[in-house]
């Protein structure tokens, strides 16, 4: 069964989960908006964390320590995820993060 959902968070100075793919699902983040409302640039790290066997691996979705200019939005699409994947963000100042997601339950 397919379900559309949205997630909205404020990033923090520690890894904050934007979205975690449910254990019995595949998901696609159709659109990810990261907005800097500050008057100065903000440094961010956006990572896809994957569990493969007993190990967890991190992959940067944008260059590490990416600088998002003042009053701008970074748009990304799509990000396909499998069960257990997590998308996290960390930033030097709060950023608005909005994700539009399609989940498909597969009942593993």
PDB file of N, CA and C in Angstrom:
ATOM      1  N   UNK A   1       0.826  -1.160   0.000  1.00  0.00           N
ATOM      2  CA  UNK A   1       0.000   0.000   0.000  1.00  0.00           C
ATOM      3  C   UNK A   1       0.888   1.247   0.000  1.00  0.00           C
ATOM      4  N   UNK A   2       0.523   2.247  -0.782  1.00  0.00           N
ATOM      5  CA  UNK A   2       1.271   3.492  -0.860  1.00  0.00           C
ATOM      6  C   UNK A   2       0.638   4.562   0.016  1.00  0.00           C
ATOM      7  N   UNK A   3       1.527   5.381   0.618  1.00  0.00           N
ATOM      8  CA  UNK A   3       1.053   6.456   1.477  1.00  0.00           C
ATOM      9  C   UNK A   3       1.936   7.677   1.259  1.00  0.00           C
ATOM     10  N   UNK A   4       1.304   8.830   0.995  1.00  0.00           N
ATOM     11  CA  UNK A   4       2.036  10.083   0.898  1.00  0.00           C
ATOM     12  C   UNK A   4       2.069  10.729   2.271  1.00  0.00           C
ATOM     13  N   UNK A   5       3.224  11.312   2.607  1.00  0.00           N
ATOM     14  CA  UNK A   5       3.365  11.979   3.888  1.00  0.00           C
ATOM     15  C   UNK A   5       4.362  13.122   3.749  1.00  0.00           C
ATOM     16  N   UNK A   6       4.386  14.003   4.717  1.00  0.00           N
ATOM     17  CA  UNK A   6       5.343  15.102   4.769  1.00  0.00           C
ATOM     18  C   UNK A   6       6.038  15.086   6.113  1.00  0.00           C
ATOM     19  N   UNK A   7       7.224  15.626   6.141  1.00  0.00           N
ATOM     20  CA  UNK A   7       7.972  15.757   7.388  1.00  0.00           C
ATOM     21  C   UNK A   7       8.574  17.141   7.400  1.00  0.00           C
ATOM     22  N   UNK A   8       8.437  17.862   8.499  1.00  0.00           N
ATOM     23  CA  UNK A   8       9.020  19.191   8.645  1.00  0.00           C
ATOM     24  C   UNK A   8       9.761  19.259   9.975  1.00  0.00           C
ATOM     25  N   UNK A   9      11.023  19.672   9.927  1.00  0.00           N
ATOM     26  CA  UNK A   9      11.837  19.775  11.137  1.00  0.00           C
ATOM     27  C   UNK A   9      12.700  21.028  11.066  1.00  0.00           C
ATOM     28  N   UNK A  10      13.308  21.357  12.186  1.00  0.00           N
ATOM     29  CA  UNK A  10      14.374  22.352  12.239  1.00  0.00           C
ATOM     30  C   UNK A  10      15.653  21.577  12.517  1.00  0.00           C
ATOM     31  N   UNK A  11      16.687  21.856  11.758  1.00  0.00           N
ATOM     32  CA  UNK A  11      17.960  21.175  11.985  1.00  0.00           C
ATOM     33  C   UNK A  11      18.589  21.686  13.281  1.00  0.00           C
ATOM     34  N   UNK A  12      19.584  20.940  13.750  1.00  0.00           N
ATOM     35  CA  UNK A  12      20.269  21.292  14.997  1.00  0.00           C
ATOM     36  C   UNK A  12      21.775  21.101  14.817  1.00  0.00           C
ATOM     37  N   UNK A  13      22.528  21.401  15.871  1.00  0.00           N
ATOM     38  CA  UNK A  13      23.985  21.282  15.800  1.00  0.00           C
ATOM     39  C   UNK A  13      24.457  19.841  15.978  1.00  0.00           C
ATOM     40  N   UNK A  14      23.532  18.931  16.238  1.00  0.00           N
ATOM     41  CA  UNK A  14      23.845  17.499  16.270  1.00  0.00           C
ATOM     42  C   UNK A  14      23.011  16.818  15.188  1.00  0.00           C
ATOM     43  N   UNK A  15      23.383  15.608  14.807  1.00  0.00           N
ATOM     44  CA  UNK A  15      22.627  14.882  13.777  1.00  0.00           C
ATOM     45  C   UNK A  15      21.156  14.797  14.165  1.00  0.00           C
ATOM     46  N   UNK A  16      20.300  15.277  13.286  1.00  0.00           N
ATOM     47  CA  UNK A  16      18.859  15.250  13.480  1.00  0.00           C
ATOM     48  C   UNK A  16      18.260  14.420  12.360  1.00  0.00           C
ATOM     49  N   UNK A  17      17.401  13.468  12.693  1.00  0.00           N
ATOM     50  CA  UNK A  17      16.793  12.611  11.681  1.00  0.00           C
ATOM     51  C   UNK A  17      15.731  13.397  10.923  1.00  0.00           C
ATOM     52  N   UNK A  18      15.926  13.495   9.600  1.00  0.00           N
ATOM     53  CA  UNK A  18      14.921  14.092   8.732  1.00  0.00           C
ATOM     54  C   UNK A  18      13.845  13.053   8.460  1.00  0.00           C
ATOM     55  N   UNK A  19      14.289  11.831   8.119  1.00  0.00           N
ATOM     56  CA  UNK A  19      13.344  10.755   7.823  1.00  0.00           C
ATOM     57  C   UNK A  19      14.039   9.422   8.016  1.00  0.00           C
ATOM     58  N   UNK A  20      13.294   8.478   8.556  1.00  0.00           N
ATOM     59  CA  UNK A  20      13.774   7.107   8.723  1.00  0.00           C
ATOM     60  C   UNK A  20      12.796   6.186   8.003  1.00  0.00           C
ATOM     61  N   UNK A  21      13.292   5.402   7.062  1.00  0.00           N
ATOM     62  CA  UNK A  21      12.437   4.504   6.282  1.00  0.00           C
ATOM     63  C   UNK A  21      11.974   3.347   7.173  1.00  0.00           C
ATOM     64  N   UNK A  22      10.660   3.136   7.269  1.00  0.00           N
ATOM     65  CA  UNK A  22      10.141   2.051   8.109  1.00  0.00           C
ATOM     66  C   UNK A  22      10.691   0.684   7.689  1.00  0.00           C
ATOM     67  N   UNK A  23      10.725  -0.223   8.644  1.00  0.00           N
ATOM     68  CA  UNK A  23      11.321  -1.542   8.436  1.00  0.00           C
ATOM     69  C   UNK A  23      10.646  -2.341   7.327  1.00  0.00           C
ATOM     70  N   UNK A  24       9.341  -2.152   7.129  1.00  0.00           N
ATOM     71  CA  UNK A  24       8.620  -2.957   6.135  1.00  0.00           C
ATOM     72  C   UNK A  24       8.281  -2.161   4.870  1.00  0.00           C
ATOM     73  N   UNK A  25       9.121  -1.164   4.538  1.00  0.00           N
ATOM     74  CA  UNK A  25       8.769  -0.263   3.434  1.00  0.00           C
ATOM     75  C   UNK A  25       9.953   0.092   2.549  1.00  0.00           C
ATOM     76  N   UNK A  26       9.611   0.583   1.382  1.00  0.00           N
ATOM     77  CA  UNK A  26      10.514   1.334   0.519  1.00  0.00           C
ATOM     78  C   UNK A  26       9.963   2.746   0.509  1.00  0.00           C
ATOM     79  N   UNK A  27      10.822   3.739   0.372  1.00  0.00           N
ATOM     80  CA  UNK A  27      10.354   5.116   0.371  1.00  0.00           C
ATOM     81  C   UNK A  27      11.105   5.936  -0.663  1.00  0.00           C
ATOM     82  N   UNK A  28      10.427   6.969  -1.141  1.00  0.00           N
ATOM     83  CA  UNK A  28      11.061   7.956  -2.009  1.00  0.00           C
ATOM     84  C   UNK A  28      10.764   9.333  -1.440  1.00  0.00           C
ATOM     85  N   UNK A  29      11.825  10.076  -1.172  1.00  0.00           N
ATOM     86  CA  UNK A  29      11.648  11.482  -0.826  1.00  0.00           C
ATOM     87  C   UNK A  29      11.592  12.200  -2.164  1.00  0.00           C
ATOM     88  N   UNK A  30      10.388  12.588  -2.560  1.00  0.00           N
ATOM     89  CA  UNK A  30      10.195  13.207  -3.865  1.00  0.00           C
ATOM     90  C   UNK A  30      10.811  14.590  -3.935  1.00  0.00           C
ATOM     91  N   UNK A  31      10.755  15.306  -2.839  1.00  0.00           N
ATOM     92  CA  UNK A  31      11.283  16.658  -2.812  1.00  0.00           C
ATOM     93  C   UNK A  31      11.776  16.952  -1.400  1.00  0.00           C
ATOM     94  N   UNK A  32      12.968  17.485  -1.301  1.00  0.00           N
ATOM     95  CA  UNK A  32      13.552  17.871  -0.023  1.00  0.00           C
ATOM     96  C   UNK A  32      13.970  19.336  -0.129  1.00  0.00           C
ATOM     97  N   UNK A  33      13.394  20.165   0.720  1.00  0.00           N
ATOM     98  CA  UNK A  33      13.715  21.585   0.743  1.00  0.00           C
ATOM     99  C   UNK A  33      14.436  21.914   2.035  1.00  0.00           C
ATOM    100  N   UNK A  34      15.604  22.546   1.925  1.00  0.00           N
ATOM    101  CA  UNK A  34      16.375  22.974   3.087  1.00  0.00           C
ATOM    102  C   UNK A  34      16.547  24.483   2.947  1.00  0.00           C
ATOM    103  N   UNK A  35      15.939  25.234   3.866  1.00  0.00           N
ATOM    104  CA  UNK A  35      15.898  26.691   3.749  1.00  0.00           C
ATOM    105  C   UNK A  35      16.682  27.364   4.863  1.00  0.00           C
ATOM    106  N   UNK A  36      17.519  28.313   4.456  1.00  0.00           N
ATOM    107  CA  UNK A  36      18.281  29.126   5.393  1.00  0.00           C
ATOM    108  C   UNK A  36      17.607  30.489   5.482  1.00  0.00           C
ATOM    109  N   UNK A  37      16.938  30.758   6.583  1.00  0.00           N
ATOM    110  CA  UNK A  37      16.288  32.049   6.795  1.00  0.00           C
ATOM    111  C   UNK A  37      17.186  33.047   7.513  1.00  0.00           C
ATOM    112  N   UNK A  38      18.413  32.629   7.812  1.00  0.00           N
ATOM    113  CA  UNK A  38      19.362  33.497   8.505  1.00  0.00           C
ATOM    114  C   UNK A  38      19.906  34.559   7.551  1.00  0.00           C
ATOM    115  N   UNK A  39      20.543  35.591   8.115  1.00  0.00           N
ATOM    116  CA  UNK A  39      21.161  36.642   7.313  1.00  0.00           C
ATOM    117  C   UNK A  39      22.614  36.337   6.977  1.00  0.00           C
ATOM    118  N   UNK A  40      23.091  35.159   7.395  1.00  0.00           N
ATOM    119  CA  UNK A  40      24.449  34.720   7.091  1.00  0.00           C
ATOM    120  C   UNK A  40      24.396  33.279   6.589  1.00  0.00           C
ATOM    121  N   UNK A  41      25.479  32.845   5.978  1.00  0.00           N
ATOM    122  CA  UNK A  41      25.562  31.469   5.492  1.00  0.00           C
ATOM    123  C   UNK A  41      25.543  30.495   6.669  1.00  0.00           C
ATOM    124  N   UNK A  42      24.995  29.310   6.424  1.00  0.00           N
ATOM    125  CA  UNK A  42      24.941  28.247   7.420  1.00  0.00           C
ATOM    126  C   UNK A  42      25.607  27.010   6.825  1.00  0.00           C
ATOM    127  N   UNK A  43      26.466  26.371   7.610  1.00  0.00           N
ATOM    128  CA  UNK A  43      27.134  25.148   7.172  1.00  0.00           C
ATOM    129  C   UNK A  43      26.278  23.948   7.560  1.00  0.00           C
ATOM    130  N   UNK A  44      26.111  23.013   6.606  1.00  0.00           N
ATOM    131  CA  UNK A  44      25.291  21.836   6.896  1.00  0.00           C
ATOM    132  C   UNK A  44      25.969  20.564   6.413  1.00  0.00           C
ATOM    133  N   UNK A  45      25.564  19.466   7.027  1.00  0.00           N
ATOM    134  CA  UNK A  45      25.966  18.123   6.606  1.00  0.00           C
ATOM    135  C   UNK A  45      24.693  17.299   6.490  1.00  0.00           C
ATOM    136  N   UNK A  46      24.411  16.822   5.281  1.00  0.00           N
ATOM    137  CA  UNK A  46      23.243  16.005   5.001  1.00  0.00           C
ATOM    138  C   UNK A  46      23.748  14.618   4.640  1.00  0.00           C
ATOM    139  N   UNK A  47      23.326  13.601   5.409  1.00  0.00           N
ATOM    140  CA  UNK A  47      23.858  12.249   5.211  1.00  0.00           C
ATOM    141  C   UNK A  47      22.747  11.224   5.080  1.00  0.00           C
ATOM    142  N   UNK A  48      22.983  10.258   4.211  1.00  0.00           N
ATOM    143  CA  UNK A  48      22.143   9.072   4.118  1.00  0.00           C
ATOM    144  C   UNK A  48      22.877   7.981   4.875  1.00  0.00           C
ATOM    145  N   UNK A  49      22.227   7.444   5.910  1.00  0.00           N
ATOM    146  CA  UNK A  49      22.833   6.389   6.717  1.00  0.00           C
ATOM    147  C   UNK A  49      22.162   5.071   6.357  1.00  0.00           C
ATOM    148  N   UNK A  50      22.990   4.109   5.953  1.00  0.00           N
ATOM    149  CA  UNK A  50      22.492   2.805   5.517  1.00  0.00           C
ATOM    150  C   UNK A  50      23.061   1.719   6.414  1.00  0.00           C
ATOM    151  N   UNK A  51      22.215   0.757   6.756  1.00  0.00           N
ATOM    152  CA  UNK A  51      22.662  -0.405   7.518  1.00  0.00           C
ATOM    153  C   UNK A  51      22.810  -1.549   6.534  1.00  0.00           C
ATOM    154  N   UNK A  52      24.024  -2.072   6.461  1.00  0.00           N
ATOM    155  CA  UNK A  52      24.311  -3.204   5.578  1.00  0.00           C
ATOM    156  C   UNK A  52      24.894  -4.302   6.458  1.00  0.00           C
ATOM    157  N   UNK A  53      24.096  -5.346   6.660  1.00  0.00           N
ATOM    158  CA  UNK A  53      24.496  -6.395   7.598  1.00  0.00           C
ATOM    159  C   UNK A  53      24.534  -5.816   9.003  1.00  0.00           C
ATOM    160  N   UNK A  54      25.665  -5.970   9.678  1.00  0.00           N
ATOM    161  CA  UNK A  54      25.815  -5.450  11.034  1.00  0.00           C
ATOM    162  C   UNK A  54      26.483  -4.073  11.051  1.00  0.00           C
ATOM    163  N   UNK A  55      26.792  -3.528   9.866  1.00  0.00           N
ATOM    164  CA  UNK A  55      27.524  -2.267   9.782  1.00  0.00           C
ATOM    165  C   UNK A  55      26.634  -1.120   9.325  1.00  0.00           C
ATOM    166  N   UNK A  56      26.956   0.098   9.790  1.00  0.00           N
ATOM    167  CA  UNK A  56      26.261   1.299   9.340  1.00  0.00           C
ATOM    168  C   UNK A  56      27.245   2.152   8.549  1.00  0.00           C
ATOM    169  N   UNK A  57      26.807   2.616   7.388  1.00  0.00           N
ATOM    170  CA  UNK A  57      27.630   3.443   6.523  1.00  0.00           C
ATOM    171  C   UNK A  57      26.955   4.790   6.329  1.00  0.00           C
ATOM    172  N   UNK A  58      27.752   5.844   6.201  1.00  0.00           N
ATOM    173  CA  UNK A  58      27.230   7.186   5.987  1.00  0.00           C
ATOM    174  C   UNK A  58      27.687   7.692   4.630  1.00  0.00           C
ATOM    175  N   UNK A  59      26.759   8.305   3.902  1.00  0.00           N
ATOM    176  CA  UNK A  59      27.051   8.868   2.583  1.00  0.00           C
ATOM    177  C   UNK A  59      26.563  10.307   2.568  1.00  0.00           C
ATOM    178  N   UNK A  60      27.419  11.219   2.173  1.00  0.00           N
ATOM    179  CA  UNK A  60      27.037  12.630   2.087  1.00  0.00           C
ATOM    180  C   UNK A  60      26.180  12.844   0.849  1.00  0.00           C
ATOM    181  N   UNK A  61      25.011  13.480   1.031  1.00  0.00           N
ATOM    182  CA  UNK A  61      24.108  13.788  -0.092  1.00  0.00           C
ATOM    183  C   UNK A  61      24.528  15.062  -0.808  1.00  0.00           C
ATOM    184  N   UNK A  62      25.218  15.941  -0.120  1.00  0.00           N
ATOM    185  CA  UNK A  62      25.853  17.131  -0.677  1.00  0.00           C
ATOM    186  C   UNK A  62      27.267  17.138  -0.097  1.00  0.00           C
ATOM    187  N   UNK A  63      28.186  17.939  -0.642  1.00  0.00           N
ATOM    188  CA  UNK A  63      29.538  17.942  -0.079  1.00  0.00           C
ATOM    189  C   UNK A  63      29.525  18.196   1.429  1.00  0.00           C
ATOM    190  N   UNK A  64      30.444  17.559   2.149  1.00  0.00           N
ATOM    191  CA  UNK A  64      30.500  17.781   3.596  1.00  0.00           C
ATOM    192  C   UNK A  64      30.794  19.257   3.864  1.00  0.00           C
ATOM    193  N   UNK A  65      30.244  19.752   4.957  1.00  0.00           N
ATOM    194  CA  UNK A  65      30.387  21.157   5.345  1.00  0.00           C
ATOM    195  C   UNK A  65      29.938  22.107   4.235  1.00  0.00           C
ATOM    196  N   UNK A  66      28.810  21.755   3.621  1.00  0.00           N
ATOM    197  CA  UNK A  66      28.225  22.566   2.549  1.00  0.00           C
ATOM    198  C   UNK A  66      27.717  23.880   3.122  1.00  0.00           C
ATOM    199  N   UNK A  67      28.036  24.996   2.470  1.00  0.00           N
ATOM    200  CA  UNK A  67      27.570  26.307   2.938  1.00  0.00           C
ATOM    201  C   UNK A  67      26.346  26.725   2.148  1.00  0.00           C
ATOM    202  N   UNK A  68      25.232  26.887   2.862  1.00  0.00           N
ATOM    203  CA  UNK A  68      23.989  27.360   2.259  1.00  0.00           C
ATOM    204  C   UNK A  68      23.920  28.865   2.503  1.00  0.00           C
ATOM    205  N   UNK A  69      23.942  29.628   1.422  1.00  0.00           N
ATOM    206  CA  UNK A  69      23.954  31.086   1.526  1.00  0.00           C
ATOM    207  C   UNK A  69      22.729  31.608   2.274  1.00  0.00           C
ATOM    208  N   UNK A  70      22.844  32.820   2.764  1.00  0.00           N
ATOM    209  CA  UNK A  70      21.748  33.479   3.485  1.00  0.00           C
ATOM    210  C   UNK A  70      20.525  33.600   2.586  1.00  0.00           C
ATOM    211  N   UNK A  71      19.350  33.368   3.193  1.00  0.00           N
ATOM    212  CA  UNK A  71      18.062  33.565   2.519  1.00  0.00           C
ATOM    213  C   UNK A  71      17.943  32.762   1.219  1.00  0.00           C
ATOM    214  N   UNK A  72      18.438  31.507   1.235  1.00  0.00           N
ATOM    215  CA  UNK A  72      18.331  30.644   0.059  1.00  0.00           C
ATOM    216  C   UNK A  72      17.778  29.280   0.454  1.00  0.00           C
ATOM    217  N   UNK A  73      17.359  28.533  -0.569  1.00  0.00           N
ATOM    218  CA  UNK A  73      16.835  27.188  -0.368  1.00  0.00           C
ATOM    219  C   UNK A  73      17.572  26.208  -1.266  1.00  0.00           C
ATOM    220  N   UNK A  74      17.963  25.077  -0.681  1.00  0.00           N
ATOM    221  CA  UNK A  74      18.539  23.970  -1.430  1.00  0.00           C
ATOM    222  C   UNK A  74      17.418  22.979  -1.688  1.00  0.00           C
ATOM    223  N   UNK A  75      17.241  22.588  -2.949  1.00  0.00           N
ATOM    224  CA  UNK A  75      16.194  21.625  -3.305  1.00  0.00           C
ATOM    225  C   UNK A  75      16.848  20.379  -3.866  1.00  0.00           C
ATOM    226  N   UNK A  76      16.413  19.233  -3.355  1.00  0.00           N
ATOM    227  CA  UNK A  76      16.934  17.949  -3.830  1.00  0.00           C
ATOM    228  C   UNK A  76      15.769  17.037  -4.159  1.00  0.00           C
ATOM    229  N   UNK A  77      15.941  16.195  -5.192  1.00  0.00           N
ATOM    230  CA  UNK A  77      14.920  15.211  -5.535  1.00  0.00           C
ATOM    231  C   UNK A  77      15.484  14.207  -6.507  1.00  0.00           C
ATOM    232  N   UNK A  78      14.994  13.033  -6.589  1.00  0.00           N
ATOM    233  CA  UNK A  78      14.428  12.251  -5.488  1.00  0.00           C
ATOM    234  C   UNK A  78      15.542  11.560  -4.719  1.00  0.00           C
ATOM    235  N   UNK A  79      15.206  11.068  -3.547  1.00  0.00           N
ATOM    236  CA  UNK A  79      16.118  10.246  -2.748  1.00  0.00           C
ATOM    237  C   UNK A  79      15.368   8.953  -2.457  1.00  0.00           C
ATOM    238  N   UNK A  80      15.831   7.853  -3.034  1.00  0.00           N
ATOM    239  CA  UNK A  80      15.188   6.551  -2.830  1.00  0.00           C
ATOM    240  C   UNK A  80      15.820   5.865  -1.629  1.00  0.00           C
ATOM    241  N   UNK A  81      14.972   5.280  -0.800  1.00  0.00           N
ATOM    242  CA  UNK A  81      15.441   4.661   0.437  1.00  0.00           C
ATOM    243  C   UNK A  81      14.839   3.274   0.590  1.00  0.00           C
ATOM    244  N   UNK A  82      15.576   2.420   1.306  1.00  0.00           N
ATOM    245  CA  UNK A  82      15.068   1.085   1.625  1.00  0.00           C
ATOM    246  C   UNK A  82      14.937   0.958   3.136  1.00  0.00           C
ATOM    247  N   UNK A  83      14.313  -0.105   3.563  1.00  0.00           N
ATOM    248  CA  UNK A  83      14.046  -0.339   4.989  1.00  0.00           C
ATOM    249  C   UNK A  83      15.287  -0.090   5.840  1.00  0.00           C
ATOM    250  N   UNK A  84      15.123   0.721   6.876  1.00  0.00           N
ATOM    251  CA  UNK A  84      16.205   0.994   7.815  1.00  0.00           C
ATOM    252  C   UNK A  84      17.081   2.185   7.465  1.00  0.00           C
ATOM    253  N   UNK A  85      17.002   2.707   6.230  1.00  0.00           N
ATOM    254  CA  UNK A  85      17.794   3.880   5.861  1.00  0.00           C
ATOM    255  C   UNK A  85      17.324   5.099   6.638  1.00  0.00           C
ATOM    256  N   UNK A  86      18.275   6.000   6.968  1.00  0.00           N
ATOM    257  CA  UNK A  86      17.940   7.244   7.662  1.00  0.00           C
ATOM    258  C   UNK A  86      18.621   8.411   6.959  1.00  0.00           C
ATOM    259  N   UNK A  87      17.885   9.501   6.825  1.00  0.00           N
ATOM    260  CA  UNK A  87      18.444  10.737   6.293  1.00  0.00           C
ATOM    261  C   UNK A  87      18.600  11.692   7.470  1.00  0.00           C
ATOM    262  N   UNK A  88      19.819  12.183   7.695  1.00  0.00           N
ATOM    263  CA  UNK A  88      20.082  13.067   8.825  1.00  0.00           C
ATOM    264  C   UNK A  88      20.686  14.381   8.348  1.00  0.00           C
ATOM    265  N   UNK A  89      20.508  15.408   9.176  1.00  0.00           N
ATOM    266  CA  UNK A  89      21.097  16.718   8.891  1.00  0.00           C
ATOM    267  C   UNK A  89      21.672  17.283  10.174  1.00  0.00           C
ATOM    268  N   UNK A  90      22.773  18.025  10.021  1.00  0.00           N
ATOM    269  CA  UNK A  90      23.401  18.747  11.121  1.00  0.00           C
ATOM    270  C   UNK A  90      23.811  20.103  10.550  1.00  0.00           C
ATOM    271  N   UNK A  91      23.596  21.189  11.307  1.00  0.00           N
ATOM    272  CA  UNK A  91      23.934  22.514  10.791  1.00  0.00           C
ATOM    273  C   UNK A  91      24.419  23.427  11.907  1.00  0.00           C
ATOM    274  N   UNK A  92      25.129  24.474  11.521  1.00  0.00           N
ATOM    275  CA  UNK A  92      25.687  25.401  12.508  1.00  0.00           C
ATOM    276  C   UNK A  92      24.634  26.345  13.072  1.00  0.00           C
ATOM    277  N   UNK A  93      23.540  26.554  12.366  1.00  0.00           N
ATOM    278  CA  UNK A  93      22.374  27.319  12.832  1.00  0.00           C
ATOM    279  C   UNK A  93      21.139  26.603  12.321  1.00  0.00           C
ATOM    280  N   UNK A  94      19.982  26.826  12.941  1.00  0.00           N
ATOM    281  CA  UNK A  94      18.776  26.108  12.514  1.00  0.00           C
ATOM    282  C   UNK A  94      18.399  26.395  11.058  1.00  0.00           C
ATOM    283  N   UNK A  95      18.022  25.340  10.369  1.00  0.00           N
ATOM    284  CA  UNK A  95      17.509  25.411   9.004  1.00  0.00           C
ATOM    285  C   UNK A  95      16.124  24.784   8.995  1.00  0.00           C
ATOM    286  N   UNK A  96      15.240  25.259   8.127  1.00  0.00           N
ATOM    287  CA  UNK A  96      13.934  24.636   7.939  1.00  0.00           C
ATOM    288  C   UNK A  96      14.101  23.513   6.919  1.00  0.00           C
ATOM    289  N   UNK A  97      13.620  22.322   7.266  1.00  0.00           N
ATOM    290  CA  UNK A  97      13.748  21.164   6.387  1.00  0.00           C
ATOM    291  C   UNK A  97      12.358  20.571   6.172  1.00  0.00           C
ATOM    292  N   UNK A  98      11.956  20.474   4.910  1.00  0.00           N
ATOM    293  CA  UNK A  98      10.648  19.913   4.568  1.00  0.00           C
ATOM    294  C   UNK A  98      10.850  18.823   3.532  1.00  0.00           C
ATOM    295  N   UNK A  99      10.305  17.645   3.824  1.00  0.00           N
ATOM    296  CA  UNK A  99      10.410  16.505   2.918  1.00  0.00           C
ATOM    297  C   UNK A  99       9.020  16.026   2.515  1.00  0.00           C
ATOM    298  N   UNK A 100       8.824  15.794   1.216  1.00  0.00           N
ATOM    299  CA  UNK A 100       7.603  15.176   0.698  1.00  0.00           C
ATOM    300  C   UNK A 100       7.948  13.718   0.362  1.00  0.00           C
ATOM    301  N   UNK A 101       7.234  12.793   0.986  1.00  0.00           N
ATOM    302  CA  UNK A 101       7.636  11.384   0.973  1.00  0.00           C
ATOM    303  C   UNK A 101       6.522  10.484   0.490  1.00  0.00           C
ATOM    304  N   UNK A 102       6.907   9.477  -0.291  1.00  0.00           N
ATOM    305  CA  UNK A 102       5.994   8.407  -0.669  1.00  0.00           C
ATOM    306  C   UNK A 102       6.533   7.118  -0.066  1.00  0.00           C
ATOM    307  N   UNK A 103       5.740   6.491   0.800  1.00  0.00           N
ATOM    308  CA  UNK A 103       6.116   5.204   1.411  1.00  0.00           C
ATOM    309  C   UNK A 103       5.312   4.098   0.741  1.00  0.00           C
ATOM    310  N   UNK A 104       5.973   2.977   0.504  1.00  0.00           N
ATOM    311  CA  UNK A 104       5.266   1.809  -0.026  1.00  0.00           C
ATOM    312  C   UNK A 104       5.556   0.628   0.876  1.00  0.00           C
ATOM    313  N   UNK A 105       4.521   0.152   1.558  1.00  0.00           N
ATOM    314  CA  UNK A 105       4.660  -1.012   2.428  1.00  0.00           C
ATOM    315  C   UNK A 105       4.812  -2.242   1.572  1.00  0.00           C
ATOM    316  N   UNK A 106       5.789  -3.069   1.912  1.00  0.00           N
ATOM    317  CA  UNK A 106       6.014  -4.285   1.141  1.00  0.00           C
ATOM    318  C   UNK A 106       5.859  -5.529   2.006  1.00  0.00           C
ATOM    319  N   UNK A 107       5.702  -5.359   3.301  1.00  0.00           N
ATOM    320  CA  UNK A 107       5.447  -6.479   4.201  1.00  0.00           C
ATOM    321  C   UNK A 107       6.476  -7.581   4.131  1.00  0.00           C
ATOM    322  N   UNK A 108       7.753  -7.211   4.390  1.00  0.00           N
ATOM    323  CA  UNK A 108       8.832  -8.208   4.367  1.00  0.00           C
ATOM    324  C   UNK A 108       8.529  -9.363   5.276  1.00  0.00           C
TER     325      UNK A 108
END
